[in-house]
Amino acid sequence: MWYQFAKVSAEEAATKFLTENDIDYVVMNPAVTIGPLLQPELNGSSSLIFDLIKGSQTFLNATFGWINVKDVANAHIHAYEDASTSGRYCLAERVAHISELAIILRDMYPTLQIPDK
């Protein structure tokens, strides 16, 4: 779980530095973030969806929080514009098991072979 370790360590280091230097800050922790990509390659979040549509026979037995990248951007803008904003925010629009995502994709794209187990 190196990714999670790195995220927590970075937040702890930033919090320590900002607190020691009396700098106001807000922490945003988005769930699995999906939406338009800026880069040409898939990121980890998009790979969860790609794994379902590429023809795999099964899906991951996991549940995640999900949020649209545009909502994450709006949360950052609101935090920046409202000086009273402080603390730590966990951003998620909904929590869903991968099976729920498979159902949604099957309904949206009936010609794709989305796994059902």
N, C-alpha and C. Protein backbone atom coordinates (compact mmCIF):
# COMPACT_ATOMS: atom_id res chain seq x y z
N MET A 1 0.83 -1.19 0.00
CA MET A 1 0.00 0.00 0.00
C MET A 1 0.88 1.26 0.00
N TRP A 2 1.85 1.27 -0.90
CA TRP A 2 2.78 2.38 -0.97
C TRP A 2 2.11 3.69 -1.36
N TYR A 3 1.13 3.63 -2.25
CA TYR A 3 0.44 4.85 -2.67
C TYR A 3 -0.23 5.52 -1.47
N GLN A 4 -0.96 4.74 -0.69
CA GLN A 4 -1.65 5.28 0.48
C GLN A 4 -0.65 5.81 1.50
N PHE A 5 0.44 5.07 1.69
CA PHE A 5 1.48 5.52 2.62
C PHE A 5 2.05 6.87 2.18
N ALA A 6 2.32 7.00 0.88
CA ALA A 6 2.88 8.24 0.36
C ALA A 6 1.93 9.41 0.55
N LYS A 7 0.62 9.17 0.30
CA LYS A 7 -0.37 10.23 0.46
C LYS A 7 -0.44 10.70 1.91
N VAL A 8 -0.49 9.76 2.85
CA VAL A 8 -0.58 10.10 4.27
C VAL A 8 0.70 10.81 4.73
N SER A 9 1.84 10.29 4.33
CA SER A 9 3.12 10.90 4.71
C SER A 9 3.25 12.32 4.19
N ALA A 10 2.84 12.54 2.94
CA ALA A 10 2.91 13.88 2.35
C ALA A 10 1.99 14.85 3.09
N GLU A 11 0.77 14.38 3.43
CA GLU A 11 -0.15 15.25 4.16
C GLU A 11 0.40 15.58 5.55
N GLU A 12 0.98 14.60 6.22
CA GLU A 12 1.55 14.84 7.54
C GLU A 12 2.70 15.85 7.48
N ALA A 13 3.57 15.71 6.48
CA ALA A 13 4.70 16.64 6.33
C ALA A 13 4.21 18.05 6.01
N ALA A 14 3.23 18.15 5.11
CA ALA A 14 2.68 19.46 4.76
C ALA A 14 2.00 20.11 5.97
N THR A 15 1.23 19.33 6.71
CA THR A 15 0.54 19.85 7.89
C THR A 15 1.55 20.37 8.91
N LYS A 16 2.59 19.61 9.14
CA LYS A 16 3.64 20.03 10.10
C LYS A 16 4.28 21.34 9.66
N PHE A 17 4.68 21.43 8.39
CA PHE A 17 5.33 22.63 7.89
C PHE A 17 4.40 23.84 7.97
N LEU A 18 3.17 23.68 7.50
CA LEU A 18 2.22 24.79 7.46
C LEU A 18 1.85 25.26 8.86
N THR A 19 1.69 24.33 9.78
CA THR A 19 1.36 24.68 11.16
C THR A 19 2.52 25.42 11.82
N GLU A 20 3.74 24.90 11.64
CA GLU A 20 4.93 25.53 12.22
C GLU A 20 5.16 26.94 11.68
N ASN A 21 4.74 27.19 10.45
CA ASN A 21 4.95 28.49 9.83
C ASN A 21 3.70 29.36 9.82
N ASP A 22 2.70 28.95 10.60
CA ASP A 22 1.45 29.70 10.76
C ASP A 22 0.82 30.08 9.42
N ILE A 23 0.73 29.08 8.54
CA ILE A 23 0.13 29.27 7.23
C ILE A 23 -1.21 28.56 7.21
N ASP A 24 -2.27 29.29 6.82
CA ASP A 24 -3.59 28.68 6.71
C ASP A 24 -3.61 27.68 5.57
N TYR A 25 -4.33 26.58 5.77
CA TYR A 25 -4.42 25.56 4.73
C TYR A 25 -5.71 24.76 4.88
N VAL A 26 -6.09 24.13 3.81
CA VAL A 26 -7.24 23.23 3.78
C VAL A 26 -6.79 21.95 3.08
N VAL A 27 -7.20 20.81 3.61
CA VAL A 27 -6.83 19.53 3.02
C VAL A 27 -8.04 18.95 2.29
N MET A 28 -7.85 18.58 1.03
CA MET A 28 -8.90 17.95 0.22
C MET A 28 -8.45 16.52 -0.09
N ASN A 29 -9.26 15.56 0.31
CA ASN A 29 -8.97 14.15 0.04
C ASN A 29 -10.11 13.56 -0.78
N PRO A 30 -9.99 13.60 -2.10
CA PRO A 30 -11.05 13.04 -2.94
C PRO A 30 -11.00 11.52 -2.99
N ALA A 31 -12.17 10.93 -3.15
CA ALA A 31 -12.28 9.48 -3.36
C ALA A 31 -11.78 9.17 -4.77
N VAL A 32 -12.11 8.01 -5.31
CA VAL A 32 -11.73 7.67 -6.68
C VAL A 32 -12.31 8.75 -7.59
N THR A 33 -11.43 9.43 -8.29
CA THR A 33 -11.82 10.59 -9.09
C THR A 33 -11.91 10.19 -10.55
N ILE A 34 -13.09 10.40 -11.12
CA ILE A 34 -13.31 10.04 -12.52
C ILE A 34 -13.78 11.25 -13.30
N GLY A 35 -13.59 11.21 -14.61
CA GLY A 35 -14.01 12.30 -15.47
C GLY A 35 -12.99 12.53 -16.56
N PRO A 36 -13.08 13.68 -17.22
CA PRO A 36 -12.17 13.96 -18.33
C PRO A 36 -10.71 13.93 -17.87
N LEU A 37 -9.84 13.38 -18.71
CA LEU A 37 -8.41 13.29 -18.40
C LEU A 37 -7.67 14.43 -19.08
N LEU A 38 -6.63 14.93 -18.42
CA LEU A 38 -5.76 15.94 -19.03
C LEU A 38 -4.63 15.28 -19.80
N GLN A 39 -4.19 14.13 -19.35
CA GLN A 39 -3.07 13.42 -19.95
C GLN A 39 -3.56 12.36 -20.93
N PRO A 40 -2.72 11.92 -21.85
CA PRO A 40 -3.15 10.95 -22.86
C PRO A 40 -3.26 9.51 -22.34
N GLU A 41 -2.63 9.21 -21.20
CA GLU A 41 -2.70 7.85 -20.68
C GLU A 41 -3.68 7.76 -19.51
N LEU A 42 -4.14 6.53 -19.26
CA LEU A 42 -5.09 6.31 -18.17
C LEU A 42 -4.40 6.44 -16.82
N ASN A 43 -5.12 6.95 -15.85
CA ASN A 43 -4.62 6.97 -14.48
C ASN A 43 -5.24 5.80 -13.72
N GLY A 44 -4.89 5.66 -12.46
CA GLY A 44 -5.40 4.54 -11.66
C GLY A 44 -6.91 4.52 -11.55
N SER A 45 -7.53 5.67 -11.39
CA SER A 45 -8.99 5.74 -11.26
C SER A 45 -9.68 5.28 -12.55
N SER A 46 -9.20 5.77 -13.67
CA SER A 46 -9.80 5.40 -14.96
C SER A 46 -9.57 3.93 -15.28
N SER A 47 -8.47 3.39 -14.78
CA SER A 47 -8.17 1.98 -15.02
C SER A 47 -9.22 1.07 -14.40
N LEU A 48 -9.83 1.49 -13.30
CA LEU A 48 -10.89 0.69 -12.69
C LEU A 48 -12.05 0.49 -13.67
N ILE A 49 -12.38 1.55 -14.40
CA ILE A 49 -13.47 1.46 -15.39
C ILE A 49 -12.99 0.71 -16.63
N PHE A 50 -11.79 1.01 -17.08
CA PHE A 50 -11.26 0.34 -18.27
C PHE A 50 -11.20 -1.17 -18.08
N ASP A 51 -10.85 -1.61 -16.88
CA ASP A 51 -10.79 -3.05 -16.60
C ASP A 51 -12.16 -3.71 -16.82
N LEU A 52 -13.22 -2.99 -16.58
CA LEU A 52 -14.57 -3.54 -16.78
C LEU A 52 -14.96 -3.61 -18.26
N ILE A 53 -14.51 -2.66 -19.05
CA ILE A 53 -14.97 -2.61 -20.44
C ILE A 53 -14.05 -3.31 -21.43
N LYS A 54 -12.88 -3.75 -20.97
CA LYS A 54 -11.93 -4.36 -21.91
C LYS A 54 -12.17 -5.85 -22.13
N GLY A 55 -13.21 -6.40 -21.54
CA GLY A 55 -13.55 -7.79 -21.81
C GLY A 55 -13.14 -8.78 -20.75
N SER A 56 -12.80 -8.31 -19.55
CA SER A 56 -12.43 -9.25 -18.49
C SER A 56 -13.65 -10.08 -18.09
N GLN A 57 -13.40 -11.26 -17.56
CA GLN A 57 -14.48 -12.18 -17.19
C GLN A 57 -15.08 -11.87 -15.83
N THR A 58 -14.31 -11.23 -14.96
CA THR A 58 -14.78 -10.92 -13.60
C THR A 58 -14.41 -9.48 -13.26
N PHE A 59 -15.03 -8.97 -12.21
CA PHE A 59 -14.67 -7.64 -11.73
C PHE A 59 -14.09 -7.74 -10.33
N LEU A 60 -13.43 -6.70 -9.93
CA LEU A 60 -12.82 -6.58 -8.61
C LEU A 60 -13.90 -6.59 -7.53
N ASN A 61 -13.70 -7.35 -6.48
CA ASN A 61 -14.65 -7.37 -5.36
C ASN A 61 -14.25 -6.27 -4.38
N ALA A 62 -14.66 -5.05 -4.67
CA ALA A 62 -14.25 -3.91 -3.86
C ALA A 62 -15.31 -2.81 -3.93
N THR A 63 -15.30 -1.99 -2.91
CA THR A 63 -16.19 -0.83 -2.82
C THR A 63 -15.33 0.41 -2.68
N PHE A 64 -15.69 1.45 -3.42
CA PHE A 64 -14.94 2.71 -3.38
C PHE A 64 -15.90 3.89 -3.27
N GLY A 65 -15.39 4.99 -2.74
CA GLY A 65 -16.06 6.27 -2.89
C GLY A 65 -15.72 6.79 -4.28
N TRP A 66 -16.67 7.47 -4.92
CA TRP A 66 -16.48 7.98 -6.28
C TRP A 66 -16.83 9.46 -6.31
N ILE A 67 -16.09 10.22 -7.12
CA ILE A 67 -16.41 11.64 -7.31
C ILE A 67 -15.92 12.08 -8.69
N ASN A 68 -16.65 13.00 -9.29
CA ASN A 68 -16.28 13.55 -10.59
C ASN A 68 -15.18 14.58 -10.40
N VAL A 69 -14.20 14.57 -11.30
CA VAL A 69 -13.07 15.49 -11.22
C VAL A 69 -13.53 16.96 -11.21
N LYS A 70 -14.63 17.25 -11.90
CA LYS A 70 -15.14 18.63 -11.92
C LYS A 70 -15.65 19.05 -10.54
N ASP A 71 -16.22 18.10 -9.78
CA ASP A 71 -16.65 18.40 -8.42
C ASP A 71 -15.45 18.62 -7.49
N VAL A 72 -14.38 17.88 -7.73
CA VAL A 72 -13.15 18.09 -6.95
C VAL A 72 -12.60 19.49 -7.23
N ALA A 73 -12.58 19.88 -8.49
CA ALA A 73 -12.10 21.21 -8.86
C ALA A 73 -12.96 22.29 -8.20
N ASN A 74 -14.28 22.12 -8.23
CA ASN A 74 -15.17 23.10 -7.60
C ASN A 74 -14.94 23.18 -6.09
N ALA A 75 -14.68 22.06 -5.45
CA ALA A 75 -14.41 22.08 -4.01
C ALA A 75 -13.15 22.89 -3.71
N HIS A 76 -12.14 22.74 -4.55
CA HIS A 76 -10.91 23.53 -4.37
C HIS A 76 -11.18 25.02 -4.56
N ILE A 77 -11.96 25.36 -5.57
CA ILE A 77 -12.29 26.76 -5.82
C ILE A 77 -13.05 27.36 -4.65
N HIS A 78 -14.06 26.64 -4.15
CA HIS A 78 -14.84 27.14 -3.01
C HIS A 78 -13.96 27.31 -1.77
N ALA A 79 -13.07 26.37 -1.54
CA ALA A 79 -12.17 26.48 -0.38
C ALA A 79 -11.26 27.69 -0.51
N TYR A 80 -10.81 27.96 -1.72
CA TYR A 80 -9.93 29.11 -1.97
C TYR A 80 -10.68 30.42 -1.79
N GLU A 81 -11.92 30.48 -2.28
CA GLU A 81 -12.67 31.73 -2.27
C GLU A 81 -13.30 32.07 -0.93
N ASP A 82 -13.51 31.08 -0.08
CA ASP A 82 -14.14 31.31 1.23
C ASP A 82 -13.07 31.26 2.32
N ALA A 83 -12.70 32.42 2.82
CA ALA A 83 -11.61 32.51 3.81
C ALA A 83 -11.92 31.76 5.11
N SER A 84 -13.18 31.49 5.38
CA SER A 84 -13.52 30.78 6.62
C SER A 84 -13.34 29.27 6.51
N THR A 85 -13.06 28.77 5.30
CA THR A 85 -12.86 27.35 5.10
C THR A 85 -11.59 26.90 5.81
N SER A 86 -11.70 25.81 6.55
CA SER A 86 -10.52 25.27 7.23
C SER A 86 -10.74 23.78 7.48
N GLY A 87 -9.68 23.09 7.76
CA GLY A 87 -9.80 21.69 8.14
C GLY A 87 -9.51 20.74 7.00
N ARG A 88 -10.13 19.59 7.13
CA ARG A 88 -9.86 18.46 6.24
C ARG A 88 -11.18 17.98 5.66
N TYR A 89 -11.21 17.79 4.35
CA TYR A 89 -12.44 17.38 3.67
C TYR A 89 -12.23 16.09 2.90
N CYS A 90 -13.10 15.14 3.13
CA CYS A 90 -13.13 13.91 2.34
C CYS A 90 -14.22 14.10 1.29
N LEU A 91 -13.86 14.02 0.02
CA LEU A 91 -14.78 14.32 -1.07
C LEU A 91 -15.25 13.03 -1.74
N ALA A 92 -16.55 12.80 -1.72
CA ALA A 92 -17.14 11.64 -2.40
C ALA A 92 -18.58 11.97 -2.75
N GLU A 93 -18.97 11.64 -3.97
CA GLU A 93 -20.35 11.85 -4.39
C GLU A 93 -21.20 10.67 -3.96
N ARG A 94 -20.61 9.47 -4.04
CA ARG A 94 -21.32 8.27 -3.62
C ARG A 94 -20.30 7.17 -3.35
N VAL A 95 -20.76 6.15 -2.66
CA VAL A 95 -19.96 4.95 -2.42
C VAL A 95 -20.65 3.82 -3.15
N ALA A 96 -19.89 3.06 -3.94
CA ALA A 96 -20.50 1.99 -4.74
C ALA A 96 -19.52 0.83 -4.90
N HIS A 97 -20.07 -0.36 -4.86
CA HIS A 97 -19.31 -1.57 -5.15
C HIS A 97 -19.09 -1.63 -6.67
N ILE A 98 -18.01 -2.26 -7.07
CA ILE A 98 -17.71 -2.37 -8.50
C ILE A 98 -18.86 -3.03 -9.26
N SER A 99 -19.61 -3.92 -8.60
CA SER A 99 -20.76 -4.55 -9.27
C SER A 99 -21.80 -3.51 -9.66
N GLU A 100 -21.98 -2.46 -8.84
CA GLU A 100 -22.91 -1.38 -9.20
C GLU A 100 -22.41 -0.63 -10.42
N LEU A 101 -21.12 -0.41 -10.48
CA LEU A 101 -20.53 0.25 -11.64
C LEU A 101 -20.72 -0.61 -12.90
N ALA A 102 -20.57 -1.91 -12.75
CA ALA A 102 -20.77 -2.82 -13.88
C ALA A 102 -22.21 -2.74 -14.40
N ILE A 103 -23.17 -2.66 -13.50
CA ILE A 103 -24.58 -2.54 -13.90
C ILE A 103 -24.81 -1.24 -14.67
N ILE A 104 -24.26 -0.16 -14.16
CA ILE A 104 -24.41 1.14 -14.83
C ILE A 104 -23.80 1.09 -16.23
N LEU A 105 -22.61 0.53 -16.33
CA LEU A 105 -21.95 0.44 -17.64
C LEU A 105 -22.71 -0.47 -18.60
N ARG A 106 -23.25 -1.58 -18.08
CA ARG A 106 -24.04 -2.50 -18.93
C ARG A 106 -25.27 -1.79 -19.48
N ASP A 107 -25.92 -0.98 -18.64
CA ASP A 107 -27.10 -0.23 -19.08
C ASP A 107 -26.74 0.84 -20.11
N MET A 108 -25.61 1.51 -19.90
CA MET A 108 -25.21 2.59 -20.80
C MET A 108 -24.66 2.06 -22.13
N TYR A 109 -23.97 0.92 -22.07
CA TYR A 109 -23.29 0.39 -23.25
C TYR A 109 -23.63 -1.10 -23.41
N PRO A 110 -24.85 -1.40 -23.86
CA PRO A 110 -25.30 -2.80 -23.93
C PRO A 110 -24.49 -3.68 -24.89
N THR A 111 -23.76 -3.10 -25.81
CA THR A 111 -22.98 -3.91 -26.75
C THR A 111 -21.64 -4.36 -26.17
N LEU A 112 -21.21 -3.73 -25.08
CA LEU A 112 -19.96 -4.13 -24.45
C LEU A 112 -20.17 -5.37 -23.59
N GLN A 113 -19.14 -6.17 -23.48
CA GLN A 113 -19.19 -7.37 -22.64
C GLN A 113 -18.68 -7.04 -21.25
N ILE A 114 -19.57 -6.53 -20.41
CA ILE A 114 -19.23 -6.16 -19.04
C ILE A 114 -19.40 -7.40 -18.16
N PRO A 115 -18.41 -7.73 -17.32
CA PRO A 115 -18.55 -8.93 -16.48
C PRO A 115 -19.71 -8.80 -15.49
N ASP A 116 -20.29 -9.96 -15.14
CA ASP A 116 -21.40 -9.95 -14.18
C ASP A 116 -21.06 -10.73 -12.92
N LYS A 117 -19.80 -11.06 -12.75
CA LYS A 117 -19.38 -11.73 -11.52
C LYS A 117 -17.98 -11.31 -11.13
